[in-house]
N, C-alpha and C. Protein backbone atom coordinates (compact mmCIF):
# COMPACT_ATOMS: atom_id res chain seq x y z
N MET A 1 -5.11 -2.63 9.53
CA MET A 1 -3.80 -2.02 9.58
C MET A 1 -3.85 -0.71 8.78
N ARG A 2 -3.18 0.30 9.28
CA ARG A 2 -3.12 1.61 8.62
C ARG A 2 -2.51 1.50 7.23
N ALA A 3 -3.00 2.31 6.31
CA ALA A 3 -2.52 2.27 4.92
C ALA A 3 -1.04 2.59 4.82
N ASP A 4 -0.59 3.64 5.51
CA ASP A 4 0.82 4.02 5.42
C ASP A 4 1.74 2.94 5.99
N LYS A 5 1.32 2.33 7.06
CA LYS A 5 2.10 1.26 7.67
C LYS A 5 2.14 0.02 6.77
N PHE A 6 1.00 -0.33 6.19
CA PHE A 6 0.91 -1.48 5.30
C PHE A 6 1.83 -1.31 4.10
N LEU A 7 1.79 -0.15 3.45
CA LEU A 7 2.62 0.09 2.27
C LEU A 7 4.10 -0.04 2.60
N ASN A 8 4.49 0.40 3.78
CA ASN A 8 5.88 0.30 4.20
C ASN A 8 6.26 -1.15 4.53
N ILE A 9 5.44 -1.85 5.27
CA ILE A 9 5.76 -3.21 5.71
C ILE A 9 5.88 -4.18 4.52
N VAL A 10 4.99 -4.05 3.54
CA VAL A 10 5.04 -4.97 2.40
C VAL A 10 5.98 -4.49 1.29
N ASN A 11 6.79 -3.50 1.60
CA ASN A 11 7.86 -3.00 0.73
C ASN A 11 7.38 -2.37 -0.58
N LEU A 12 6.22 -1.72 -0.56
CA LEU A 12 5.78 -0.98 -1.73
C LEU A 12 6.39 0.43 -1.75
N VAL A 13 6.73 0.94 -0.58
CA VAL A 13 7.47 2.20 -0.45
C VAL A 13 8.61 1.98 0.54
N LYS A 14 9.65 2.81 0.44
CA LYS A 14 10.83 2.61 1.29
C LYS A 14 10.61 3.01 2.74
N ARG A 15 9.89 4.12 2.95
CA ARG A 15 9.69 4.61 4.31
C ARG A 15 8.23 4.96 4.54
N ARG A 16 7.81 4.89 5.79
CA ARG A 16 6.43 5.19 6.15
C ARG A 16 6.11 6.65 5.88
N ALA A 17 7.08 7.53 6.06
CA ALA A 17 6.87 8.96 5.80
C ALA A 17 6.53 9.20 4.33
N ILE A 18 7.14 8.45 3.45
CA ILE A 18 6.85 8.56 2.01
C ILE A 18 5.42 8.10 1.75
N ALA A 19 5.02 7.01 2.39
CA ALA A 19 3.65 6.50 2.24
C ALA A 19 2.64 7.53 2.74
N GLN A 20 2.92 8.17 3.88
CA GLN A 20 2.03 9.19 4.42
C GLN A 20 1.90 10.36 3.45
N ASP A 21 3.03 10.80 2.91
CA ASP A 21 3.03 11.91 1.96
C ASP A 21 2.25 11.57 0.70
N MET A 22 2.43 10.35 0.20
CA MET A 22 1.69 9.92 -1.00
C MET A 22 0.19 9.90 -0.75
N CYS A 23 -0.22 9.43 0.41
CA CYS A 23 -1.65 9.39 0.76
C CYS A 23 -2.22 10.81 0.86
N GLU A 24 -1.49 11.69 1.51
CA GLU A 24 -1.96 13.06 1.71
C GLU A 24 -2.06 13.83 0.39
N ASN A 25 -1.25 13.46 -0.59
CA ASN A 25 -1.26 14.15 -1.89
C ASN A 25 -2.10 13.43 -2.94
N GLY A 26 -2.84 12.41 -2.55
CA GLY A 26 -3.77 11.74 -3.46
C GLY A 26 -3.15 10.74 -4.41
N ALA A 27 -1.93 10.28 -4.12
CA ALA A 27 -1.27 9.33 -5.01
C ALA A 27 -1.63 7.88 -4.70
N ILE A 28 -2.29 7.64 -3.58
CA ILE A 28 -2.74 6.30 -3.21
C ILE A 28 -4.27 6.31 -3.24
N ARG A 29 -4.83 5.36 -3.99
CA ARG A 29 -6.29 5.31 -4.13
C ARG A 29 -6.80 3.89 -3.91
N ILE A 30 -8.01 3.82 -3.39
CA ILE A 30 -8.75 2.56 -3.27
C ILE A 30 -10.15 2.83 -3.82
N CYS A 31 -10.59 2.01 -4.75
CA CYS A 31 -11.88 2.19 -5.42
C CYS A 31 -11.96 3.55 -6.10
N GLY A 32 -10.85 4.05 -6.60
CA GLY A 32 -10.84 5.32 -7.31
C GLY A 32 -10.85 6.55 -6.42
N LYS A 33 -10.84 6.38 -5.11
CA LYS A 33 -10.88 7.51 -4.19
C LYS A 33 -9.56 7.62 -3.44
N SER A 34 -9.08 8.84 -3.28
CA SER A 34 -7.88 9.08 -2.48
C SER A 34 -8.16 8.70 -1.04
N ILE A 35 -7.14 8.22 -0.36
CA ILE A 35 -7.32 7.78 1.02
C ILE A 35 -6.42 8.55 1.96
N LYS A 36 -6.76 8.52 3.23
CA LYS A 36 -5.92 9.10 4.27
C LYS A 36 -4.91 8.05 4.73
N PRO A 37 -3.79 8.47 5.30
CA PRO A 37 -2.79 7.50 5.78
C PRO A 37 -3.34 6.58 6.88
N SER A 38 -4.35 7.03 7.60
CA SER A 38 -4.87 6.25 8.73
C SER A 38 -5.97 5.26 8.33
N ARG A 39 -6.35 5.22 7.06
CA ARG A 39 -7.42 4.32 6.63
C ARG A 39 -6.99 2.86 6.79
N ASP A 40 -7.92 2.05 7.26
CA ASP A 40 -7.64 0.62 7.44
C ASP A 40 -7.65 -0.10 6.09
N ILE A 41 -6.65 -0.93 5.89
CA ILE A 41 -6.55 -1.75 4.68
C ILE A 41 -7.13 -3.12 5.00
N LYS A 42 -7.94 -3.64 4.07
CA LYS A 42 -8.57 -4.94 4.28
C LYS A 42 -8.17 -5.90 3.16
N VAL A 43 -8.24 -7.18 3.44
CA VAL A 43 -7.92 -8.20 2.45
C VAL A 43 -8.93 -8.11 1.30
N GLY A 44 -8.44 -8.20 0.08
CA GLY A 44 -9.30 -8.17 -1.09
C GLY A 44 -9.40 -6.81 -1.76
N GLU A 45 -8.91 -5.76 -1.10
CA GLU A 45 -8.96 -4.43 -1.69
C GLU A 45 -7.85 -4.27 -2.73
N VAL A 46 -8.10 -3.40 -3.71
CA VAL A 46 -7.10 -3.09 -4.73
C VAL A 46 -6.57 -1.69 -4.45
N ILE A 47 -5.27 -1.61 -4.21
CA ILE A 47 -4.61 -0.33 -3.94
C ILE A 47 -3.97 0.15 -5.24
N GLU A 48 -4.30 1.38 -5.63
CA GLU A 48 -3.72 1.96 -6.83
C GLU A 48 -2.71 3.02 -6.42
N MET A 49 -1.49 2.89 -6.93
CA MET A 49 -0.43 3.87 -6.66
C MET A 49 -0.21 4.66 -7.94
N VAL A 50 -0.46 5.97 -7.88
CA VAL A 50 -0.37 6.83 -9.06
C VAL A 50 0.96 7.57 -9.03
N TYR A 51 1.74 7.40 -10.10
CA TYR A 51 3.02 8.09 -10.25
C TYR A 51 2.85 9.18 -11.30
N LEU A 52 3.90 9.94 -11.56
CA LEU A 52 3.82 11.04 -12.53
C LEU A 52 3.45 10.56 -13.93
N ASP A 53 4.02 9.45 -14.37
CA ASP A 53 3.80 9.00 -15.73
C ASP A 53 3.07 7.66 -15.85
N SER A 54 2.75 7.03 -14.74
CA SER A 54 2.08 5.74 -14.79
C SER A 54 1.37 5.46 -13.46
N SER A 55 0.76 4.30 -13.39
CA SER A 55 0.15 3.87 -12.12
C SER A 55 0.25 2.35 -12.03
N LYS A 56 0.25 1.86 -10.80
CA LYS A 56 0.30 0.42 -10.55
C LYS A 56 -0.81 0.07 -9.58
N SER A 57 -1.38 -1.12 -9.76
CA SER A 57 -2.44 -1.58 -8.86
C SER A 57 -1.99 -2.87 -8.19
N PHE A 58 -2.32 -3.00 -6.91
CA PHE A 58 -1.95 -4.16 -6.13
C PHE A 58 -3.16 -4.69 -5.38
N LEU A 59 -3.35 -6.00 -5.43
CA LEU A 59 -4.41 -6.67 -4.69
C LEU A 59 -3.85 -7.11 -3.35
N VAL A 60 -4.57 -6.80 -2.27
CA VAL A 60 -4.14 -7.17 -0.92
C VAL A 60 -4.54 -8.63 -0.68
N LEU A 61 -3.56 -9.50 -0.48
CA LEU A 61 -3.82 -10.93 -0.26
C LEU A 61 -3.98 -11.26 1.22
N GLN A 62 -3.16 -10.64 2.06
CA GLN A 62 -3.28 -10.82 3.51
C GLN A 62 -2.59 -9.67 4.22
N ILE A 63 -2.90 -9.52 5.50
CA ILE A 63 -2.33 -8.46 6.32
C ILE A 63 -1.19 -9.06 7.15
N PRO A 64 0.01 -8.47 7.10
CA PRO A 64 1.13 -9.02 7.87
C PRO A 64 0.95 -8.84 9.38
N ASN A 65 1.45 -9.81 10.14
CA ASN A 65 1.38 -9.74 11.60
C ASN A 65 2.66 -9.17 12.19
N GLN A 66 3.73 -9.14 11.40
CA GLN A 66 5.02 -8.70 11.89
C GLN A 66 5.25 -7.23 11.53
N LYS A 67 6.26 -6.65 12.18
CA LYS A 67 6.62 -5.26 11.91
C LYS A 67 7.33 -5.11 10.57
N THR A 68 8.12 -6.08 10.21
CA THR A 68 8.82 -6.06 8.92
C THR A 68 8.78 -7.46 8.31
N ILE A 69 8.84 -7.48 6.99
CA ILE A 69 8.92 -8.76 6.29
C ILE A 69 10.04 -8.64 5.26
N PRO A 70 10.69 -9.75 4.93
CA PRO A 70 11.73 -9.72 3.89
C PRO A 70 11.12 -9.38 2.53
N LYS A 71 11.90 -8.70 1.69
CA LYS A 71 11.40 -8.32 0.36
C LYS A 71 10.97 -9.52 -0.46
N ASN A 72 11.66 -10.65 -0.29
CA ASN A 72 11.31 -11.82 -1.09
C ASN A 72 10.00 -12.47 -0.65
N GLN A 73 9.39 -11.99 0.43
CA GLN A 73 8.09 -12.52 0.87
C GLN A 73 6.94 -11.55 0.60
N SER A 74 7.21 -10.44 -0.09
CA SER A 74 6.17 -9.46 -0.39
C SER A 74 5.03 -10.06 -1.22
N HIS A 75 5.37 -11.03 -2.08
CA HIS A 75 4.36 -11.64 -2.94
C HIS A 75 3.29 -12.39 -2.15
N LEU A 76 3.55 -12.70 -0.89
CA LEU A 76 2.54 -13.37 -0.05
C LEU A 76 1.47 -12.40 0.43
N TYR A 77 1.75 -11.11 0.38
CA TYR A 77 0.86 -10.10 0.94
C TYR A 77 0.17 -9.24 -0.13
N VAL A 78 0.86 -8.98 -1.23
CA VAL A 78 0.27 -8.19 -2.32
C VAL A 78 0.60 -8.83 -3.66
N LYS A 79 -0.28 -8.60 -4.62
CA LYS A 79 -0.08 -9.13 -5.98
C LYS A 79 -0.41 -8.02 -6.96
N GLU A 80 0.51 -7.77 -7.89
CA GLU A 80 0.26 -6.71 -8.87
C GLU A 80 -0.79 -7.18 -9.87
N VAL A 81 -1.76 -6.28 -10.11
CA VAL A 81 -2.83 -6.59 -11.07
C VAL A 81 -2.76 -5.68 -12.27
């Protein structure tokens, strides 16, 4: 699944356009490297989201099959590390 789509579906960002912008500006990293919005996300990868004053890391637990998931089910797909 595309990185921008994944971030939006699991409710880490509000809109896919925001996820695309973050990827293009180097705010989303995997293994310390900036990624493109079209990069495939795989189970077991750690996604780092870099903000102006902090950063958060999330472990990918599974890839969603649906277009949207409820916010209260986000913990089934990602876990903050």
